[in-house]
N, C-alpha and C. Protein backbone atom coordinates (compact mmCIF):
# COMPACT_ATOMS: atom_id res chain seq x y z
N MET A 1 9.31 45.45 5.73
CA MET A 1 9.02 44.60 4.60
C MET A 1 9.88 43.33 4.60
N THR A 2 11.09 43.45 4.95
CA THR A 2 11.97 42.29 4.93
C THR A 2 11.50 41.22 5.91
N THR A 3 11.01 41.63 7.06
CA THR A 3 10.55 40.67 8.05
C THR A 3 9.33 39.91 7.53
N THR A 4 8.40 40.61 6.90
CA THR A 4 7.21 39.97 6.37
C THR A 4 7.58 38.99 5.25
N ARG A 5 8.48 39.42 4.39
CA ARG A 5 8.91 38.55 3.30
C ARG A 5 9.61 37.32 3.85
N GLY A 6 10.47 37.51 4.85
CA GLY A 6 11.16 36.38 5.47
C GLY A 6 10.19 35.42 6.14
N LEU A 7 9.18 35.96 6.79
CA LEU A 7 8.17 35.12 7.43
C LEU A 7 7.41 34.32 6.39
N TYR A 8 7.05 34.96 5.29
CA TYR A 8 6.32 34.28 4.22
C TYR A 8 7.16 33.16 3.61
N LEU A 9 8.42 33.43 3.36
CA LEU A 9 9.29 32.41 2.78
C LEU A 9 9.49 31.25 3.75
N GLY A 10 9.57 31.54 5.02
CA GLY A 10 9.69 30.48 6.03
C GLY A 10 8.45 29.62 6.07
N MET A 11 7.28 30.25 5.96
CA MET A 11 6.03 29.49 5.95
C MET A 11 5.92 28.66 4.68
N ALA A 12 6.37 29.19 3.57
CA ALA A 12 6.33 28.46 2.31
C ALA A 12 7.25 27.24 2.38
N ALA A 13 8.43 27.41 2.96
CA ALA A 13 9.37 26.30 3.10
C ALA A 13 8.79 25.22 4.01
N ALA A 14 8.12 25.64 5.08
CA ALA A 14 7.50 24.67 5.99
C ALA A 14 6.38 23.93 5.27
N GLY A 15 5.61 24.62 4.45
CA GLY A 15 4.53 23.98 3.70
C GLY A 15 5.06 22.95 2.72
N ILE A 16 6.17 23.27 2.07
CA ILE A 16 6.78 22.33 1.14
C ILE A 16 7.27 21.10 1.89
N ALA A 17 7.85 21.30 3.08
CA ALA A 17 8.34 20.18 3.88
C ALA A 17 7.18 19.26 4.26
N VAL A 18 6.05 19.83 4.61
CA VAL A 18 4.87 19.03 4.96
C VAL A 18 4.38 18.24 3.75
N LEU A 19 4.36 18.87 2.58
CA LEU A 19 3.93 18.17 1.37
C LEU A 19 4.88 17.04 1.01
N LEU A 20 6.17 17.26 1.17
CA LEU A 20 7.14 16.20 0.89
C LEU A 20 6.99 15.04 1.87
N ALA A 21 6.75 15.36 3.13
CA ALA A 21 6.55 14.30 4.13
C ALA A 21 5.29 13.50 3.82
N ALA A 22 4.23 14.19 3.41
CA ALA A 22 2.99 13.50 3.05
C ALA A 22 3.21 12.60 1.83
N SER A 23 3.98 13.07 0.88
CA SER A 23 4.27 12.26 -0.30
C SER A 23 5.07 11.02 0.07
N ALA A 24 6.01 11.17 0.97
CA ALA A 24 6.81 10.02 1.42
C ALA A 24 5.94 8.99 2.11
N VAL A 25 5.00 9.45 2.92
CA VAL A 25 4.10 8.52 3.61
C VAL A 25 3.23 7.79 2.59
N ARG A 26 2.71 8.53 1.62
CA ARG A 26 1.87 7.91 0.59
C ARG A 26 2.65 6.87 -0.21
N LEU A 27 3.85 7.21 -0.61
CA LEU A 27 4.64 6.27 -1.41
C LEU A 27 5.07 5.05 -0.60
N SER A 28 5.32 5.25 0.70
CA SER A 28 5.72 4.11 1.53
C SER A 28 4.55 3.15 1.72
N GLY A 29 3.33 3.60 1.54
CA GLY A 29 2.19 2.71 1.59
C GLY A 29 1.83 2.15 0.22
N LEU A 30 2.06 2.94 -0.81
CA LEU A 30 1.69 2.53 -2.16
C LEU A 30 2.64 1.49 -2.74
N ALA A 31 3.92 1.59 -2.45
CA ALA A 31 4.90 0.67 -3.03
C ALA A 31 4.65 -0.79 -2.61
N PRO A 32 4.55 -1.08 -1.29
CA PRO A 32 4.29 -2.48 -0.94
C PRO A 32 2.91 -2.96 -1.42
N HIS A 33 1.94 -2.07 -1.43
CA HIS A 33 0.61 -2.46 -1.93
C HIS A 33 0.70 -2.90 -3.39
N THR A 34 1.41 -2.15 -4.20
CA THR A 34 1.52 -2.45 -5.63
C THR A 34 2.25 -3.77 -5.85
N VAL A 35 3.36 -3.96 -5.17
CA VAL A 35 4.15 -5.19 -5.33
C VAL A 35 3.34 -6.40 -4.88
N LEU A 36 2.72 -6.30 -3.71
CA LEU A 36 1.96 -7.44 -3.19
C LEU A 36 0.68 -7.69 -3.99
N ALA A 37 0.08 -6.63 -4.53
CA ALA A 37 -1.11 -6.82 -5.37
C ALA A 37 -0.75 -7.61 -6.63
N ALA A 38 0.42 -7.38 -7.16
CA ALA A 38 0.86 -8.14 -8.34
C ALA A 38 1.20 -9.59 -7.95
N ALA A 39 1.75 -9.77 -6.76
CA ALA A 39 2.14 -11.12 -6.32
C ALA A 39 0.95 -11.96 -5.87
N ILE A 40 -0.13 -11.33 -5.45
CA ILE A 40 -1.25 -12.09 -4.89
C ILE A 40 -2.01 -12.86 -5.96
N VAL A 41 -1.99 -12.40 -7.19
CA VAL A 41 -2.76 -13.07 -8.25
C VAL A 41 -2.30 -14.52 -8.44
N PRO A 42 -1.01 -14.78 -8.69
CA PRO A 42 -0.61 -16.18 -8.82
C PRO A 42 -0.78 -16.97 -7.52
N LEU A 43 -0.58 -16.32 -6.38
CA LEU A 43 -0.77 -17.03 -5.11
C LEU A 43 -2.21 -17.50 -4.95
N VAL A 44 -3.16 -16.65 -5.29
CA VAL A 44 -4.57 -17.04 -5.18
C VAL A 44 -4.89 -18.16 -6.16
N LEU A 45 -4.37 -18.07 -7.38
CA LEU A 45 -4.64 -19.11 -8.36
C LEU A 45 -4.09 -20.46 -7.92
N VAL A 46 -2.89 -20.46 -7.40
CA VAL A 46 -2.29 -21.72 -6.92
C VAL A 46 -3.05 -22.24 -5.71
N THR A 47 -3.40 -21.37 -4.79
CA THR A 47 -4.14 -21.79 -3.60
C THR A 47 -5.49 -22.38 -3.98
N LEU A 48 -6.20 -21.72 -4.86
CA LEU A 48 -7.50 -22.20 -5.30
C LEU A 48 -7.38 -23.52 -6.05
N THR A 49 -6.40 -23.63 -6.92
CA THR A 49 -6.19 -24.86 -7.68
C THR A 49 -5.91 -26.04 -6.76
N ARG A 50 -5.05 -25.83 -5.77
CA ARG A 50 -4.73 -26.91 -4.84
C ARG A 50 -5.94 -27.31 -4.01
N ALA A 51 -6.77 -26.36 -3.65
CA ALA A 51 -7.98 -26.69 -2.88
C ALA A 51 -8.97 -27.47 -3.73
N LEU A 52 -9.16 -27.05 -4.97
CA LEU A 52 -10.11 -27.74 -5.84
C LEU A 52 -9.66 -29.14 -6.23
N LYS A 53 -8.35 -29.35 -6.31
CA LYS A 53 -7.82 -30.67 -6.63
C LYS A 53 -7.84 -31.60 -5.41
N GLY A 54 -8.02 -31.03 -4.23
CA GLY A 54 -8.05 -31.85 -3.02
C GLY A 54 -6.70 -32.03 -2.36
N SER A 55 -5.70 -31.29 -2.80
CA SER A 55 -4.37 -31.36 -2.17
C SER A 55 -4.36 -30.42 -0.97
N PHE A 56 -5.06 -30.83 0.09
CA PHE A 56 -5.29 -29.91 1.20
C PHE A 56 -4.03 -29.60 2.01
N GLU A 57 -3.10 -30.52 2.11
CA GLU A 57 -1.85 -30.23 2.83
C GLU A 57 -1.03 -29.17 2.09
N ARG A 58 -0.94 -29.33 0.78
CA ARG A 58 -0.22 -28.33 -0.02
C ARG A 58 -0.99 -27.02 -0.04
N HIS A 59 -2.32 -27.11 -0.05
CA HIS A 59 -3.16 -25.91 -0.03
C HIS A 59 -2.94 -25.13 1.27
N LYS A 60 -2.89 -25.82 2.39
CA LYS A 60 -2.71 -25.13 3.68
C LYS A 60 -1.35 -24.44 3.76
N ARG A 61 -0.33 -25.09 3.18
CA ARG A 61 1.01 -24.48 3.22
C ARG A 61 1.05 -23.13 2.51
N ILE A 62 0.43 -23.04 1.36
CA ILE A 62 0.47 -21.77 0.62
C ILE A 62 -0.60 -20.80 1.12
N ALA A 63 -1.71 -21.34 1.64
CA ALA A 63 -2.77 -20.46 2.15
C ALA A 63 -2.31 -19.67 3.37
N ARG A 64 -1.36 -20.20 4.12
CA ARG A 64 -0.80 -19.46 5.26
C ARG A 64 -0.14 -18.17 4.82
N TRP A 65 0.36 -18.14 3.61
CA TRP A 65 0.96 -16.92 3.06
C TRP A 65 -0.07 -16.08 2.31
N THR A 66 -0.96 -16.76 1.61
CA THR A 66 -1.90 -16.06 0.73
C THR A 66 -2.89 -15.21 1.51
N LEU A 67 -3.48 -15.74 2.57
CA LEU A 67 -4.51 -15.01 3.30
C LEU A 67 -4.01 -13.70 3.90
N PRO A 68 -2.89 -13.69 4.64
CA PRO A 68 -2.45 -12.40 5.20
C PRO A 68 -2.08 -11.37 4.12
N ILE A 69 -1.47 -11.83 3.04
CA ILE A 69 -1.12 -10.90 1.96
C ILE A 69 -2.39 -10.35 1.31
N TRP A 70 -3.37 -11.23 1.09
CA TRP A 70 -4.63 -10.79 0.49
C TRP A 70 -5.35 -9.79 1.40
N LEU A 71 -5.35 -10.03 2.70
CA LEU A 71 -5.98 -9.09 3.63
C LEU A 71 -5.26 -7.75 3.62
N TYR A 72 -3.93 -7.77 3.61
CA TYR A 72 -3.15 -6.52 3.57
C TYR A 72 -3.47 -5.74 2.30
N VAL A 73 -3.48 -6.42 1.16
CA VAL A 73 -3.75 -5.74 -0.11
C VAL A 73 -5.17 -5.19 -0.13
N SER A 74 -6.11 -5.92 0.45
CA SER A 74 -7.50 -5.44 0.49
C SER A 74 -7.63 -4.18 1.32
N VAL A 75 -7.03 -4.17 2.49
CA VAL A 75 -7.13 -3.00 3.37
C VAL A 75 -6.38 -1.81 2.77
N THR A 76 -5.17 -2.05 2.30
CA THR A 76 -4.41 -0.93 1.73
C THR A 76 -5.02 -0.45 0.42
N GLY A 77 -5.75 -1.32 -0.28
CA GLY A 77 -6.45 -0.89 -1.48
C GLY A 77 -7.49 0.17 -1.18
N VAL A 78 -8.21 -0.01 -0.08
CA VAL A 78 -9.19 0.99 0.34
C VAL A 78 -8.47 2.29 0.71
N LEU A 79 -7.35 2.17 1.41
CA LEU A 79 -6.60 3.38 1.80
C LEU A 79 -6.05 4.10 0.58
N VAL A 80 -5.57 3.36 -0.39
CA VAL A 80 -5.06 3.98 -1.62
C VAL A 80 -6.20 4.68 -2.35
N TYR A 81 -7.36 4.07 -2.40
CA TYR A 81 -8.51 4.71 -3.03
C TYR A 81 -8.85 6.02 -2.33
N TRP A 82 -8.87 6.00 -0.99
CA TRP A 82 -9.15 7.22 -0.23
C TRP A 82 -8.11 8.29 -0.49
N MET A 83 -6.84 7.90 -0.59
CA MET A 83 -5.79 8.88 -0.86
C MET A 83 -5.95 9.50 -2.24
N LEU A 84 -6.38 8.70 -3.22
CA LEU A 84 -6.50 9.21 -4.57
C LEU A 84 -7.78 10.01 -4.81
N TYR A 85 -8.90 9.53 -4.26
CA TYR A 85 -10.18 10.12 -4.60
C TYR A 85 -10.94 10.69 -3.41
N GLY A 86 -10.40 10.53 -2.21
CA GLY A 86 -11.14 10.97 -1.02
C GLY A 86 -10.88 12.36 -0.58
């Protein structure tokens, strides 16, 4: 009996370790997504405003930052959705 109980407890501990590792992976993807999703809103507004006003040099300077961040947030948004509801 002791061997079976020890084996079960070892398996339970391994299962908990896997769950903790999965949670760490999820949070390491969710944290930058959340921060950048909040930051992208003003960046998009400024980029769009500069383009509509015709300040294309200033628009290009900020668009170099806005586009990659927007693409990252878009892709990780799908991944976050899959993690939550998939």
